[in-house]
Amino acid sequence: MTDVTSSPLTGAGALQVWLGPVARRSEAVVIPLAALLAGFVAFSLFLLLLGKSPVEFFALVYKAGFGTAFSWQNTLSRTAPLLLAALCVALPARLGLVVIGGEGAIVLGGVATGAVGVALAGWPAWLGLSIMAAAGALAGALWIGAVGALRYWRGVNETIASLLMAYIAIALMNHLVEGPLRDPESLNKPSTAPLPDALRVGDIPGWDVHWGLAAGVVLCILAWVLIDRTTWGFAARIAGANIRAAQVQGLPVGWLIVGFTALGGACAGLAGMFEVSAIHGSANASLASGYGFTGILIAFLARHNPLAIIPVAVLLAGFEASSGLIQRRMDLPDATVLVLQGFVFIAILMADTLYGRLRIFAPERWGQR
């Protein structure tokens, strides 16, 4: 008998074998990028209707967000809370949950930090900062974790619950900083007592950017490891794909929902901690700055991939850093950047209908099954 061995593929066959996996993986990159560009085009038409130049607008965005070393420092300082706010959306999304109330966890995390920090005056800096971080993360975890508990045990829609609870959190923050926790010396802007200098988060050596950026990047990497490289992440993906199948397999669906929502809330609460300890120095109404809502756009644009959140957050932070320059140079309100984000978000939601429907990304297109 003659042994018959298969010869390696050459020519068009080898090209198909190579292009098939590439095409499948590129769907998650090409469609969001196309949605981003579509949002830019729609926003450009909006500017033209206002009699403004889209070219000038995007040139100013580049200049203010990425054009100089100072611009980069400003952008990266805004990136830190956006990374953590986006994780508050991305982690529950792996279970099929749409949690959009990260703003509430941010403000409560900031209030908890301000309240605890004043009591830690005189403590070693490393211990005081650790306790403040734990307090901020715990406040956020309890708040968003409650959303997960309501979803699983009471059937309350997590999107509506998290949004309503965000407004409740902002109202609670205003009550606390203007009432029980108010510093009597904060006359014009009600705030908690200022943190001791020893408990203020400093800058990364050589950068004019606080350590919240490093924490956000590290947590994005750890979130990716949790989701893609652990059994808990695998179980969460199964539950997100088919909750009944997960229950049949004996997976602890309830605890997965509560655990992942609480982890997301902890990240957002940590963002509030850095805002108080690194930026404001006390908890006040400035905590409700919209970072939690921008985090929704970042998470959706990144397809809830924690690693993709990092570059997307930098891009959106650059846009927000340019709002002041746009207002001065183009005589547009600083909320114009929010309008741009709205156009992009609508484009992303519309692009969701394209996944799995474009033949160019289908395995059959490349001779595979």
Foldseek 3Di string as FASTA:
>chain_A
DDDDDDDDDDDLLVVLVVVQVVLQVCVLVVLLVVLLVQLLVVLQVVCVVVVHHSVVLVVLLCCQQPVDQVNVLQLLQQLLLLLLLLLLQLLLVLLVAGAQQLLLLLQQLLQQLQVQQVVCPPPQQVVSLVVSLVRLLQSQLVQQLVLLLCCPVVVDRSHVSSNVSSVVSLVVSQCCQVPVQFDPVPPPFRWGDFGPPSNAFACDPPGRHTCSSVVSLVVLVVSLCCLPPDPLNVLSNVSSVPVVVSVVVVHPSSCSSSVSSSNSRSSSSSSSSNCCRHPVRTRGSVSSVCSNNVSSLLCLSSVSRSNSSNVSSSSLSSLLSSLVVCCVPVVDHSCSSVVSSVSSSVSSVVSVVCPPPDPSNDSVVSVHD
